[in-house]
Amino acid sequence: MRKLMTASALAVIAMAGSAYAETNACLITKTDTNPFFVKMKEGATEAAMANGINLSTFAGKYDGDVETQVAAVETCIASGAKGILITPTDSRALVPVITQAREAGALVIALDTQFEPADAADATFATDNFKAGVMIGQWARAKMGDDAANAKIALLDLNASEVSVDYQRNNGFLQGFGIDIKDPTDIGDEDDPRIVGNDVTDGSPDGGRTAMENLLQIDPDINLVYTINEPAAAGAYEALKSFGKADGVTIVSVDGGCPGVQDIAGGVIGATAMQFPLLMASKGIEAIKTFAETGEKPQNSEGLDFYNTGVELITDEPVEGVPSISSEEGLKKCWG
């Protein structure tokens, strides 16, 4: 009788333990140095604690580090993670390992950067990156007015892989500025004579500076600079200063980090499109919790192949027809 009761008690304890066991999840970012991903990690960690989720975090050594991200996904699969949040450093190369994770039963959500195809993941929580590009392009065109016809444009992109976030922002900017884009998934195939050239930055200040220096060697009269993000914009500005070109050149970007918004206030950047990494991360954690409890997967925003977490234009030089908020307002919403 004692043995029977003990066995029954152990069964009850085991059932209770499984009912209250934490859900394992992973966050894999492109790097752990870019302020955008630092803030995303903070948001995911806070949301995981609030929702009783055991979160493991991983990051690439640099933007474009596919091998480290692949290894991280494999570790998450082996640990039985119920959900994986990932900012793919290469939107195509990571698809096979992501497919393995989904086949193993994990919910996979891309953050910030869509996979190609987008349905390689169960969902994507991201800024509408093409729209973000369009907004800064429209602003730049309106600001330049008639001089837009004589623009000399430098395009500072991410890396040679041309991941989705890279070509979406780049081509959105060009379309917003009024330049005919050829292949919307390609960078650098335009024939508009106003484009001086493209170079890559890895989304870093050092990369931005080097890319800007390279393009100034091609044409020292560049007067409009698009950058993939605000760290690259900061580097581009330093290069322009070193060439004595800081005045008279307009820089536009995408991010909305507090340092970038402060650069709006300081006149370094003319306009930036603010995105919301904390919202991406928290929504991702909530989706994993729901999936673990009910099996339900998140839904896309209407008419889109991702869940749109929003975007706002920040500038202290508003133009007619392009809605924006000031740097003062932006500092109340920024991150980092």
C-alpha atoms as a PDB file:
ATOM      1  CA  MET A   1       0.000   0.000   0.000  1.00  0.00           C
ATOM      2  CA  ARG A   2       2.826   2.380   0.892  1.00  0.00           C
ATOM      3  CA  LYS A   3       4.544   1.616  -2.439  1.00  0.00           C
ATOM      4  CA  LEU A   4       1.294   2.271  -4.337  1.00  0.00           C
ATOM      5  CA  MET A   5       0.730   5.576  -2.559  1.00  0.00           C
ATOM      6  CA  THR A   6       4.322   6.612  -3.199  1.00  0.00           C
ATOM      7  CA  ALA A   7       3.997   5.849  -6.886  1.00  0.00           C
ATOM      8  CA  SER A   8       0.749   7.804  -7.073  1.00  0.00           C
ATOM      9  CA  ALA A   9       2.314  10.732  -5.268  1.00  0.00           C
ATOM     10  CA  LEU A  10       5.262  10.723  -7.654  1.00  0.00           C
ATOM     11  CA  ALA A  11       2.886  10.719 -10.601  1.00  0.00           C
ATOM     12  CA  VAL A  12       1.038  13.742  -9.216  1.00  0.00           C
ATOM     13  CA  ILE A  13       4.326  15.563  -8.577  1.00  0.00           C
ATOM     14  CA  ALA A  14       5.520  14.781 -12.111  1.00  0.00           C
ATOM     15  CA  MET A  15       2.275  16.062 -13.614  1.00  0.00           C
ATOM     16  CA  ALA A  16       2.447  19.234 -11.549  1.00  0.00           C
ATOM     17  CA  GLY A  17       6.079  19.756 -12.556  1.00  0.00           C
ATOM     18  CA  SER A  18       5.246  19.445 -16.247  1.00  0.00           C
ATOM     19  CA  ALA A  19       2.340  21.875 -15.872  1.00  0.00           C
ATOM     20  CA  TYR A  20       4.586  24.558 -14.401  1.00  0.00           C
ATOM     21  CA  ALA A  21       7.746  23.858 -16.408  1.00  0.00           C
ATOM     22  CA  GLU A  22       9.142  26.901 -18.173  1.00  0.00           C
ATOM     23  CA  THR A  23       8.970  27.145 -21.934  1.00  0.00           C
ATOM     24  CA  ASN A  24      12.406  27.240 -23.536  1.00  0.00           C
ATOM     25  CA  ALA A  25      12.962  29.857 -26.223  1.00  0.00           C
ATOM     26  CA  CYS A  26      15.856  31.480 -28.079  1.00  0.00           C
ATOM     27  CA  LEU A  27      16.720  34.925 -29.386  1.00  0.00           C
ATOM     28  CA  ILE A  28      19.371  35.081 -32.115  1.00  0.00           C
ATOM     29  CA  THR A  29      20.468  38.538 -33.280  1.00  0.00           C
ATOM     30  CA  LYS A  30      22.867  39.621 -36.019  1.00  0.00           C
ATOM     31  CA  THR A  31      25.321  41.095 -33.497  1.00  0.00           C
ATOM     32  CA  ASP A  32      25.398  42.040 -29.812  1.00  0.00           C
ATOM     33  CA  THR A  33      27.018  45.440 -30.432  1.00  0.00           C
ATOM     34  CA  ASN A  34      24.564  47.320 -32.653  1.00  0.00           C
ATOM     35  CA  PRO A  35      22.281  49.356 -30.306  1.00  0.00           C
ATOM     36  CA  PHE A  36      19.213  48.117 -32.204  1.00  0.00           C
ATOM     37  CA  PHE A  37      19.954  44.505 -31.318  1.00  0.00           C
ATOM     38  CA  VAL A  38      21.083  45.380 -27.794  1.00  0.00           C
ATOM     39  CA  LYS A  39      17.683  46.961 -27.177  1.00  0.00           C
ATOM     40  CA  MET A  40      15.914  44.042 -28.829  1.00  0.00           C
ATOM     41  CA  LYS A  41      17.704  41.657 -26.455  1.00  0.00           C
ATOM     42  CA  GLU A  42      16.712  43.794 -23.467  1.00  0.00           C
ATOM     43  CA  GLY A  43      13.083  43.800 -24.566  1.00  0.00           C
ATOM     44  CA  ALA A  44      12.992  40.059 -25.185  1.00  0.00           C
ATOM     45  CA  THR A  45      14.659  39.317 -21.840  1.00  0.00           C
ATOM     46  CA  GLU A  46      12.177  41.476 -19.931  1.00  0.00           C
ATOM     47  CA  ALA A  47       9.197  39.975 -21.760  1.00  0.00           C
ATOM     48  CA  ALA A  48      10.486  36.443 -21.202  1.00  0.00           C
ATOM     49  CA  MET A  49      10.795  37.025 -17.454  1.00  0.00           C
ATOM     50  CA  ALA A  50       7.281  38.471 -17.331  1.00  0.00           C
ATOM     51  CA  ASN A  51       5.844  35.502 -19.232  1.00  0.00           C
ATOM     52  CA  GLY A  52       7.704  32.699 -17.471  1.00  0.00           C
ATOM     53  CA  ILE A  53       9.831  31.800 -20.474  1.00  0.00           C
ATOM     54  CA  ASN A  54      13.401  30.538 -20.186  1.00  0.00           C
ATOM     55  CA  LEU A  55      15.228  32.566 -22.833  1.00  0.00           C
ATOM     56  CA  SER A  56      18.670  31.769 -24.256  1.00  0.00           C
ATOM     57  CA  THR A  57      20.335  34.490 -26.343  1.00  0.00           C
ATOM     58  CA  PHE A  58      22.890  34.256 -29.139  1.00  0.00           C
ATOM     59  CA  ALA A  59      24.473  36.719 -31.575  1.00  0.00           C
ATOM     60  CA  GLY A  60      26.727  36.713 -34.605  1.00  0.00           C
ATOM     61  CA  LYS A  61      30.253  38.047 -34.288  1.00  0.00           C
ATOM     62  CA  TYR A  62      29.518  40.559 -37.073  1.00  0.00           C
ATOM     63  CA  ASP A  63      26.714  41.407 -39.483  1.00  0.00           C
ATOM     64  CA  GLY A  64      26.851  38.644 -42.086  1.00  0.00           C
ATOM     65  CA  ASP A  65      28.113  35.913 -39.737  1.00  0.00           C
ATOM     66  CA  VAL A  66      25.958  33.078 -41.060  1.00  0.00           C
ATOM     67  CA  GLU A  67      27.925  30.231 -39.464  1.00  0.00           C
ATOM     68  CA  THR A  68      27.413  31.474 -35.904  1.00  0.00           C
ATOM     69  CA  GLN A  69      23.687  31.925 -36.471  1.00  0.00           C
ATOM     70  CA  VAL A  70      23.370  28.439 -37.980  1.00  0.00           C
ATOM     71  CA  ALA A  71      25.180  26.966 -34.965  1.00  0.00           C
ATOM     72  CA  ALA A  72      22.868  28.904 -32.631  1.00  0.00           C
ATOM     73  CA  VAL A  73      19.751  27.533 -34.334  1.00  0.00           C
ATOM     74  CA  GLU A  74      21.152  24.011 -34.097  1.00  0.00           C
ATOM     75  CA  THR A  75      21.777  24.535 -30.372  1.00  0.00           C
ATOM     76  CA  CYS A  76      18.196  25.733 -29.929  1.00  0.00           C
ATOM     77  CA  ILE A  77      16.840  22.678 -31.748  1.00  0.00           C
ATOM     78  CA  ALA A  78      18.931  20.369 -29.567  1.00  0.00           C
ATOM     79  CA  SER A  79      17.663  22.076 -26.406  1.00  0.00           C
ATOM     80  CA  GLY A  80      14.039  21.539 -27.435  1.00  0.00           C
ATOM     81  CA  ALA A  81      13.229  25.242 -27.756  1.00  0.00           C
ATOM     82  CA  LYS A  82       9.534  25.863 -28.288  1.00  0.00           C
ATOM     83  CA  GLY A  83      10.216  29.120 -30.084  1.00  0.00           C
ATOM     84  CA  ILE A  84      13.076  30.856 -31.893  1.00  0.00           C
ATOM     85  CA  LEU A  85      13.238  34.609 -32.510  1.00  0.00           C
ATOM     86  CA  ILE A  86      15.886  35.506 -35.073  1.00  0.00           C
ATOM     87  CA  THR A  87      17.129  38.528 -37.000  1.00  0.00           C
ATOM     88  CA  PRO A  88      18.574  36.616 -39.967  1.00  0.00           C
ATOM     89  CA  THR A  89      21.960  37.879 -41.047  1.00  0.00           C
ATOM     90  CA  ASP A  90      21.328  36.269 -44.442  1.00  0.00           C
ATOM     91  CA  SER A  91      17.679  35.954 -45.412  1.00  0.00           C
ATOM     92  CA  ARG A  92      18.343  33.095 -47.854  1.00  0.00           C
ATOM     93  CA  ALA A  93      21.304  31.098 -46.476  1.00  0.00           C
ATOM     94  CA  LEU A  94      19.577  30.411 -43.152  1.00  0.00           C
ATOM     95  CA  VAL A  95      16.395  28.956 -44.649  1.00  0.00           C
ATOM     96  CA  PRO A  96      17.525  25.274 -44.520  1.00  0.00           C
ATOM     97  CA  VAL A  97      18.356  25.322 -40.797  1.00  0.00           C
ATOM     98  CA  ILE A  98      15.193  27.303 -40.040  1.00  0.00           C
ATOM     99  CA  THR A  99      13.209  24.622 -41.871  1.00  0.00           C
ATOM    100  CA  GLN A 100      14.857  22.017 -39.624  1.00  0.00           C
ATOM    101  CA  ALA A 101      13.818  23.985 -36.545  1.00  0.00           C
ATOM    102  CA  ARG A 102      10.199  24.147 -37.673  1.00  0.00           C
ATOM    103  CA  GLU A 103      10.191  20.432 -38.494  1.00  0.00           C
ATOM    104  CA  ALA A 104      11.449  19.824 -34.939  1.00  0.00           C
ATOM    105  CA  GLY A 105       8.353  21.611 -33.614  1.00  0.00           C
ATOM    106  CA  ALA A 106       9.680  25.106 -32.889  1.00  0.00           C
ATOM    107  CA  LEU A 107       7.794  28.275 -33.740  1.00  0.00           C
ATOM    108  CA  VAL A 108      10.209  30.431 -35.758  1.00  0.00           C
ATOM    109  CA  ILE A 109       9.678  34.185 -35.898  1.00  0.00           C
ATOM    110  CA  ALA A 110      11.903  36.524 -37.898  1.00  0.00           C
ATOM    111  CA  LEU A 111      12.460  39.945 -36.345  1.00  0.00           C
ATOM    112  CA  ASP A 112      13.329  43.057 -38.378  1.00  0.00           C
ATOM    113  CA  THR A 113      14.514  41.123 -41.471  1.00  0.00           C
ATOM    114  CA  GLN A 114      12.262  38.814 -43.486  1.00  0.00           C
ATOM    115  CA  PHE A 115      13.402  35.455 -44.748  1.00  0.00           C
ATOM    116  CA  GLU A 116      13.281  34.751 -48.463  1.00  0.00           C
ATOM    117  CA  PRO A 117      10.718  33.442 -48.998  1.00  0.00           C
ATOM    118  CA  ALA A 118       8.911  35.139 -46.110  1.00  0.00           C
ATOM    119  CA  ASP A 119       6.970  31.974 -45.283  1.00  0.00           C
ATOM    120  CA  ALA A 120      10.211  30.142 -44.500  1.00  0.00           C
ATOM    121  CA  ALA A 121       9.438  31.365 -40.953  1.00  0.00           C
ATOM    122  CA  ASP A 122       6.107  31.008 -39.194  1.00  0.00           C
ATOM    123  CA  ALA A 123       5.875  34.798 -38.886  1.00  0.00           C
ATOM    124  CA  THR A 124       7.833  38.042 -39.142  1.00  0.00           C
ATOM    125  CA  PHE A 125       7.546  41.023 -36.799  1.00  0.00           C
ATOM    126  CA  ALA A 126       9.172  43.985 -38.511  1.00  0.00           C
ATOM    127  CA  THR A 127       9.083  47.543 -39.696  1.00  0.00           C
ATOM    128  CA  ASP A 128       7.745  47.990 -43.207  1.00  0.00           C
ATOM    129  CA  ASN A 129      11.306  48.564 -44.401  1.00  0.00           C
ATOM    130  CA  PHE A 130      10.333  49.522 -47.932  1.00  0.00           C
ATOM    131  CA  LYS A 131       7.921  52.135 -46.571  1.00  0.00           C
ATOM    132  CA  ALA A 132      10.641  53.421 -44.225  1.00  0.00           C
ATOM    133  CA  GLY A 133      12.863  53.939 -47.259  1.00  0.00           C
ATOM    134  CA  VAL A 134      10.082  55.628 -49.214  1.00  0.00           C
ATOM    135  CA  MET A 135       9.470  58.079 -46.368  1.00  0.00           C
ATOM    136  CA  ILE A 136      13.066  59.286 -46.154  1.00  0.00           C
ATOM    137  CA  GLY A 137      13.271  59.414 -49.960  1.00  0.00           C
ATOM    138  CA  GLN A 138      10.132  61.542 -50.209  1.00  0.00           C
ATOM    139  CA  TRP A 139      11.445  63.833 -47.491  1.00  0.00           C
ATOM    140  CA  ALA A 140      14.818  64.256 -49.210  1.00  0.00           C
ATOM    141  CA  ARG A 141      13.187  65.019 -52.549  1.00  0.00           C
ATOM    142  CA  ALA A 142      10.867  67.623 -51.028  1.00  0.00           C
ATOM    143  CA  LYS A 143      13.702  69.217 -49.060  1.00  0.00           C
ATOM    144  CA  MET A 144      15.904  69.550 -52.140  1.00  0.00           C
ATOM    145  CA  GLY A 145      13.052  70.924 -54.255  1.00  0.00           C
ATOM    146  CA  ASP A 146      14.181  71.819 -57.778  1.00  0.00           C
ATOM    147  CA  ASP A 147      17.750  70.842 -56.869  1.00  0.00           C
ATOM    148  CA  ALA A 148      16.613  67.194 -56.674  1.00  0.00           C
ATOM    149  CA  ALA A 149      17.111  67.081 -60.433  1.00  0.00           C
ATOM    150  CA  ASN A 150      20.823  67.702 -59.856  1.00  0.00           C
ATOM    151  CA  ALA A 151      21.288  65.464 -56.836  1.00  0.00           C
ATOM    152  CA  LYS A 152      24.475  63.456 -56.469  1.00  0.00           C
ATOM    153  CA  ILE A 153      23.543  60.470 -54.346  1.00  0.00           C
ATOM    154  CA  ALA A 154      25.686  58.100 -52.304  1.00  0.00           C
ATOM    155  CA  LEU A 155      24.019  54.869 -51.192  1.00  0.00           C
ATOM    156  CA  LEU A 156      25.559  53.249 -48.108  1.00  0.00           C
ATOM    157  CA  ASP A 157      24.109  49.756 -47.820  1.00  0.00           C
ATOM    158  CA  LEU A 158      24.598  46.804 -45.460  1.00  0.00           C
ATOM    159  CA  ASN A 159      26.687  44.063 -47.083  1.00  0.00           C
ATOM    160  CA  ALA A 160      27.214  42.083 -50.261  1.00  0.00           C
ATOM    161  CA  SER A 161      24.562  39.499 -49.339  1.00  0.00           C
ATOM    162  CA  GLU A 162      21.787  42.006 -50.146  1.00  0.00           C
ATOM    163  CA  VAL A 163      19.424  40.652 -47.500  1.00  0.00           C
ATOM    164  CA  SER A 164      15.774  41.702 -47.607  1.00  0.00           C
ATOM    165  CA  VAL A 165      16.067  44.592 -45.150  1.00  0.00           C
ATOM    166  CA  ASP A 166      18.950  45.971 -47.236  1.00  0.00           C
ATOM    167  CA  TYR A 167      17.292  46.073 -50.640  1.00  0.00           C
ATOM    168  CA  GLN A 168      13.926  47.080 -49.187  1.00  0.00           C
ATOM    169  CA  ARG A 169      15.292  50.224 -47.524  1.00  0.00           C
ATOM    170  CA  ASN A 170      17.612  51.095 -50.410  1.00  0.00           C
ATOM    171  CA  ASN A 171      14.988  50.694 -53.120  1.00  0.00           C
ATOM    172  CA  GLY A 172      12.278  52.302 -51.009  1.00  0.00           C
ATOM    173  CA  PHE A 173      14.488  55.383 -50.658  1.00  0.00           C
ATOM    174  CA  LEU A 174      15.132  55.515 -54.402  1.00  0.00           C
ATOM    175  CA  GLN A 175      11.456  55.168 -55.235  1.00  0.00           C
ATOM    176  CA  GLY A 176      10.528  57.819 -52.691  1.00  0.00           C
ATOM    177  CA  PHE A 177      13.092  60.157 -54.242  1.00  0.00           C
ATOM    178  CA  GLY A 178      11.601  59.546 -57.671  1.00  0.00           C
ATOM    179  CA  ILE A 179      14.223  57.249 -59.164  1.00  0.00           C
ATOM    180  CA  ASP A 180      13.086  54.318 -61.271  1.00  0.00           C
ATOM    181  CA  ILE A 181      14.087  51.055 -59.606  1.00  0.00           C
ATOM    182  CA  LYS A 182      14.577  48.037 -61.835  1.00  0.00           C
ATOM    183  CA  ASP A 183      14.543  44.790 -59.852  1.00  0.00           C
ATOM    184  CA  PRO A 184      13.021  45.606 -56.431  1.00  0.00           C
ATOM    185  CA  THR A 185      15.018  42.767 -54.855  1.00  0.00           C
ATOM    186  CA  ASP A 186      18.376  43.921 -56.242  1.00  0.00           C
ATOM    187  CA  ILE A 187      20.718  46.751 -55.290  1.00  0.00           C
ATOM    188  CA  GLY A 188      22.696  48.775 -57.799  1.00  0.00           C
ATOM    189  CA  ASP A 189      20.946  47.974 -61.107  1.00  0.00           C
ATOM    190  CA  GLU A 190      19.547  51.494 -61.607  1.00  0.00           C
ATOM    191  CA  ASP A 191      20.797  53.689 -64.443  1.00  0.00           C
ATOM    192  CA  ASP A 192      19.851  57.112 -63.075  1.00  0.00           C
ATOM    193  CA  PRO A 193      22.875  59.416 -63.531  1.00  0.00           C
ATOM    194  CA  ARG A 194      22.211  61.055 -60.164  1.00  0.00           C
ATOM    195  CA  ILE A 195      23.468  57.933 -58.374  1.00  0.00           C
ATOM    196  CA  VAL A 196      27.205  58.229 -57.715  1.00  0.00           C
ATOM    197  CA  GLY A 197      27.435  54.675 -56.420  1.00  0.00           C
ATOM    198  CA  ASN A 198      26.762  52.083 -53.728  1.00  0.00           C
ATOM    199  CA  ASP A 199      29.108  50.796 -51.038  1.00  0.00           C
ATOM    200  CA  VAL A 200      28.683  48.540 -47.997  1.00  0.00           C
ATOM    201  CA  THR A 201      29.032  49.430 -44.317  1.00  0.00           C
ATOM    202  CA  ASP A 202      28.142  46.330 -42.258  1.00  0.00           C
ATOM    203  CA  GLY A 203      25.848  48.763 -40.443  1.00  0.00           C
ATOM    204  CA  SER A 204      28.756  50.150 -38.405  1.00  0.00           C
ATOM    205  CA  PRO A 205      30.346  53.592 -37.927  1.00  0.00           C
ATOM    206  CA  ASP A 206      33.708  52.371 -39.248  1.00  0.00           C
ATOM    207  CA  GLY A 207      32.026  50.840 -42.261  1.00  0.00           C
ATOM    208  CA  GLY A 208      30.027  53.991 -42.875  1.00  0.00           C
ATOM    209  CA  ARG A 209      33.151  56.119 -42.785  1.00  0.00           C
ATOM    210  CA  THR A 210      35.077  53.885 -45.178  1.00  0.00           C
ATOM    211  CA  ALA A 211      32.168  53.603 -47.618  1.00  0.00           C
ATOM    212  CA  MET A 212      31.685  57.368 -47.622  1.00  0.00           C
ATOM    213  CA  GLU A 213      35.386  57.962 -48.229  1.00  0.00           C
ATOM    214  CA  ASN A 214      35.294  55.526 -51.157  1.00  0.00           C
ATOM    215  CA  LEU A 215      32.343  57.262 -52.799  1.00  0.00           C
ATOM    216  CA  LEU A 216      33.796  60.735 -52.263  1.00  0.00           C
ATOM    217  CA  GLN A 217      36.812  59.571 -54.228  1.00  0.00           C
ATOM    218  CA  ILE A 218      34.440  58.883 -57.122  1.00  0.00           C
ATOM    219  CA  ASP A 219      32.633  62.234 -56.830  1.00  0.00           C
ATOM    220  CA  PRO A 220      33.588  64.835 -54.201  1.00  0.00           C
ATOM    221  CA  ASP A 221      30.383  66.784 -54.932  1.00  0.00           C
ATOM    222  CA  ILE A 222      27.996  64.248 -53.378  1.00  0.00           C
ATOM    223  CA  ASN A 223      25.137  66.175 -51.749  1.00  0.00           C
ATOM    224  CA  LEU A 224      22.730  63.436 -50.604  1.00  0.00           C
ATOM    225  CA  VAL A 225      23.610  60.319 -48.611  1.00  0.00           C
ATOM    226  CA  TYR A 226      21.322  57.378 -47.857  1.00  0.00           C
ATOM    227  CA  THR A 227      22.491  55.030 -45.104  1.00  0.00           C
ATOM    228  CA  ILE A 228      21.147  51.622 -44.042  1.00  0.00           C
ATOM    229  CA  ASN A 229      21.157  52.691 -40.371  1.00  0.00           C
ATOM    230  CA  GLU A 230      22.220  55.445 -38.006  1.00  0.00           C
ATOM    231  CA  PRO A 231      25.592  53.989 -36.925  1.00  0.00           C
ATOM    232  CA  ALA A 232      26.567  53.974 -40.617  1.00  0.00           C
ATOM    233  CA  ALA A 233      25.241  57.541 -40.898  1.00  0.00           C
ATOM    234  CA  ALA A 234      27.451  58.653 -38.008  1.00  0.00           C
ATOM    235  CA  GLY A 235      30.494  57.196 -39.778  1.00  0.00           C
ATOM    236  CA  ALA A 236      29.514  58.836 -43.063  1.00  0.00           C
ATOM    237  CA  TYR A 237      29.281  62.206 -41.327  1.00  0.00           C
ATOM    238  CA  GLU A 238      32.799  61.809 -39.895  1.00  0.00           C
ATOM    239  CA  ALA A 239      34.113  61.109 -43.401  1.00  0.00           C
ATOM    240  CA  LEU A 240      32.320  64.155 -44.782  1.00  0.00           C
ATOM    241  CA  LYS A 241      33.833  66.285 -42.022  1.00  0.00           C
ATOM    242  CA  SER A 242      37.316  65.032 -42.811  1.00  0.00           C
ATOM    243  CA  PHE A 243      36.791  66.063 -46.445  1.00  0.00           C
ATOM    244  CA  GLY A 244      35.421  69.462 -45.394  1.00  0.00           C
ATOM    245  CA  LYS A 245      32.008  68.483 -46.764  1.00  0.00           C
ATOM    246  CA  ALA A 246      29.844  68.292 -43.629  1.00  0.00           C
ATOM    247  CA  ASP A 247      27.889  71.427 -44.568  1.00  0.00           C
ATOM    248  CA  GLY A 248      25.690  71.188 -47.619  1.00  0.00           C
ATOM    249  CA  VAL A 249      25.285  67.397 -47.627  1.00  0.00           C
ATOM    250  CA  THR A 250      22.010  65.841 -46.486  1.00  0.00           C
ATOM    251  CA  ILE A 251      22.086  62.453 -44.737  1.00  0.00           C
ATOM    252  CA  VAL A 252      18.994  60.273 -44.330  1.00  0.00           C
ATOM    253  CA  SER A 253      18.744  56.974 -42.493  1.00  0.00           C
ATOM    254  CA  VAL A 254      16.569  54.352 -40.783  1.00  0.00           C
ATOM    255  CA  ASP A 255      16.566  53.237 -37.121  1.00  0.00           C
ATOM    256  CA  GLY A 256      15.215  55.678 -34.532  1.00  0.00           C
ATOM    257  CA  GLY A 257      17.758  54.947 -31.814  1.00  0.00           C
ATOM    258  CA  CYS A 258      18.290  57.707 -29.275  1.00  0.00           C
ATOM    259  CA  PRO A 259      21.806  58.528 -30.574  1.00  0.00           C
ATOM    260  CA  GLY A 260      20.374  58.846 -34.081  1.00  0.00           C
ATOM    261  CA  VAL A 261      17.535  61.084 -32.930  1.00  0.00           C
ATOM    262  CA  GLN A 262      20.096  63.226 -31.085  1.00  0.00           C
ATOM    263  CA  ASP A 263      21.975  63.439 -34.390  1.00  0.00           C
ATOM    264  CA  ILE A 264      18.780  64.831 -35.924  1.00  0.00           C
ATOM    265  CA  ALA A 265      18.735  67.507 -33.228  1.00  0.00           C
ATOM    266  CA  GLY A 266      22.436  68.201 -33.819  1.00  0.00           C
ATOM    267  CA  GLY A 267      22.062  68.545 -37.583  1.00  0.00           C
ATOM    268  CA  VAL A 268      24.122  65.450 -38.412  1.00  0.00           C
ATOM    269  CA  ILE A 269      21.188  63.544 -39.941  1.00  0.00           C
ATOM    270  CA  GLY A 270      18.412  65.321 -41.797  1.00  0.00           C
ATOM    271  CA  ALA A 271      15.701  62.688 -41.325  1.00  0.00           C
ATOM    272  CA  THR A 272      15.409  59.138 -40.076  1.00  0.00           C
ATOM    273  CA  ALA A 273      12.651  56.547 -40.074  1.00  0.00           C
ATOM    274  CA  MET A 274      12.070  55.238 -36.551  1.00  0.00           C
ATOM    275  CA  GLN A 275      11.410  51.556 -35.963  1.00  0.00           C
ATOM    276  CA  PHE A 276      10.506  49.803 -32.723  1.00  0.00           C
ATOM    277  CA  PRO A 277      12.740  46.859 -31.702  1.00  0.00           C
ATOM    278  CA  LEU A 278      11.250  46.577 -28.207  1.00  0.00           C
ATOM    279  CA  LEU A 279       7.829  45.988 -29.728  1.00  0.00           C
ATOM    280  CA  MET A 280       9.204  43.389 -32.143  1.00  0.00           C
ATOM    281  CA  ALA A 281      10.857  41.505 -29.286  1.00  0.00           C
ATOM    282  CA  SER A 282       7.934  41.647 -26.858  1.00  0.00           C
ATOM    283  CA  LYS A 283       5.443  40.605 -29.542  1.00  0.00           C
ATOM    284  CA  GLY A 284       7.716  37.705 -30.418  1.00  0.00           C
ATOM    285  CA  ILE A 285       7.876  36.452 -26.832  1.00  0.00           C
ATOM    286  CA  GLU A 286       4.102  36.786 -26.446  1.00  0.00           C
ATOM    287  CA  ALA A 287       3.626  34.772 -29.646  1.00  0.00           C
ATOM    288  CA  ILE A 288       5.871  31.989 -28.338  1.00  0.00           C
ATOM    289  CA  LYS A 289       3.897  31.853 -25.092  1.00  0.00           C
ATOM    290  CA  THR A 290       0.598  31.634 -26.978  1.00  0.00           C
ATOM    291  CA  PHE A 291       1.969  28.938 -29.259  1.00  0.00           C
ATOM    292  CA  ALA A 292       3.260  26.905 -26.310  1.00  0.00           C
ATOM    293  CA  GLU A 293      -0.114  27.104 -24.568  1.00  0.00           C
ATOM    294  CA  THR A 294      -2.548  26.793 -27.491  1.00  0.00           C
ATOM    295  CA  GLY A 295      -0.634  25.915 -30.653  1.00  0.00           C
ATOM    296  CA  GLU A 296      -1.892  29.146 -32.240  1.00  0.00           C
ATOM    297  CA  LYS A 297       0.483  30.989 -34.562  1.00  0.00           C
ATOM    298  CA  PRO A 298       0.587  34.780 -35.101  1.00  0.00           C
ATOM    299  CA  GLN A 299      -1.229  36.415 -38.010  1.00  0.00           C
ATOM    300  CA  ASN A 300       0.172  38.898 -40.538  1.00  0.00           C
ATOM    301  CA  SER A 301      -1.022  42.478 -40.800  1.00  0.00           C
ATOM    302  CA  GLU A 302      -3.761  42.874 -43.394  1.00  0.00           C
ATOM    303  CA  GLY A 303      -2.425  42.908 -46.940  1.00  0.00           C
ATOM    304  CA  LEU A 304       1.160  42.158 -45.863  1.00  0.00           C
ATOM    305  CA  ASP A 305       3.308  39.031 -45.500  1.00  0.00           C
ATOM    306  CA  PHE A 306       4.518  40.150 -42.048  1.00  0.00           C
ATOM    307  CA  TYR A 307       3.230  41.756 -38.845  1.00  0.00           C
ATOM    308  CA  ASN A 308       3.892  45.491 -39.162  1.00  0.00           C
ATOM    309  CA  THR A 309       5.323  47.024 -35.973  1.00  0.00           C
ATOM    310  CA  GLY A 310       5.163  50.559 -37.356  1.00  0.00           C
ATOM    311  CA  VAL A 311       7.452  53.369 -38.524  1.00  0.00           C
ATOM    312  CA  GLU A 312       7.611  57.148 -37.966  1.00  0.00           C
ATOM    313  CA  LEU A 313       9.632  59.830 -39.734  1.00  0.00           C
ATOM    314  CA  ILE A 314      11.773  61.969 -37.426  1.00  0.00           C
ATOM    315  CA  THR A 315      13.060  65.350 -38.640  1.00  0.00           C
ATOM    316  CA  ASP A 316      13.408  68.924 -37.459  1.00  0.00           C
ATOM    317  CA  GLU A 317      12.833  70.151 -41.007  1.00  0.00           C
ATOM    318  CA  PRO A 318       9.286  69.014 -41.838  1.00  0.00           C
ATOM    319  CA  VAL A 319       8.132  69.120 -45.455  1.00  0.00           C
ATOM    320  CA  GLU A 320       4.657  69.336 -46.884  1.00  0.00           C
ATOM    321  CA  GLY A 321       3.015  66.017 -47.715  1.00  0.00           C
ATOM    322  CA  VAL A 322       5.336  63.834 -45.615  1.00  0.00           C
ATOM    323  CA  PRO A 323       4.027  63.333 -42.041  1.00  0.00           C
ATOM    324  CA  SER A 324       6.768  63.574 -39.408  1.00  0.00           C
ATOM    325  CA  ILE A 325       7.518  64.318 -35.774  1.00  0.00           C
ATOM    326  CA  SER A 326      10.344  66.418 -34.333  1.00  0.00           C
ATOM    327  CA  SER A 327      13.502  65.177 -32.642  1.00  0.00           C
ATOM    328  CA  GLU A 328      12.074  66.412 -29.345  1.00  0.00           C
ATOM    329  CA  GLU A 329       9.057  64.154 -29.804  1.00  0.00           C
ATOM    330  CA  GLY A 330      11.276  61.389 -31.134  1.00  0.00           C
ATOM    331  CA  LEU A 331      13.419  61.408 -28.001  1.00  0.00           C
ATOM    332  CA  LYS A 332      10.321  60.375 -26.035  1.00  0.00           C
ATOM    333  CA  LYS A 333       9.916  57.300 -28.250  1.00  0.00           C
ATOM    334  CA  CYS A 334      13.500  56.339 -29.104  1.00  0.00           C
ATOM    335  CA  TRP A 335      15.502  53.366 -27.856  1.00  0.00           C
ATOM    336  CA  GLY A 336      19.123  52.689 -27.032  1.00  0.00           C
END
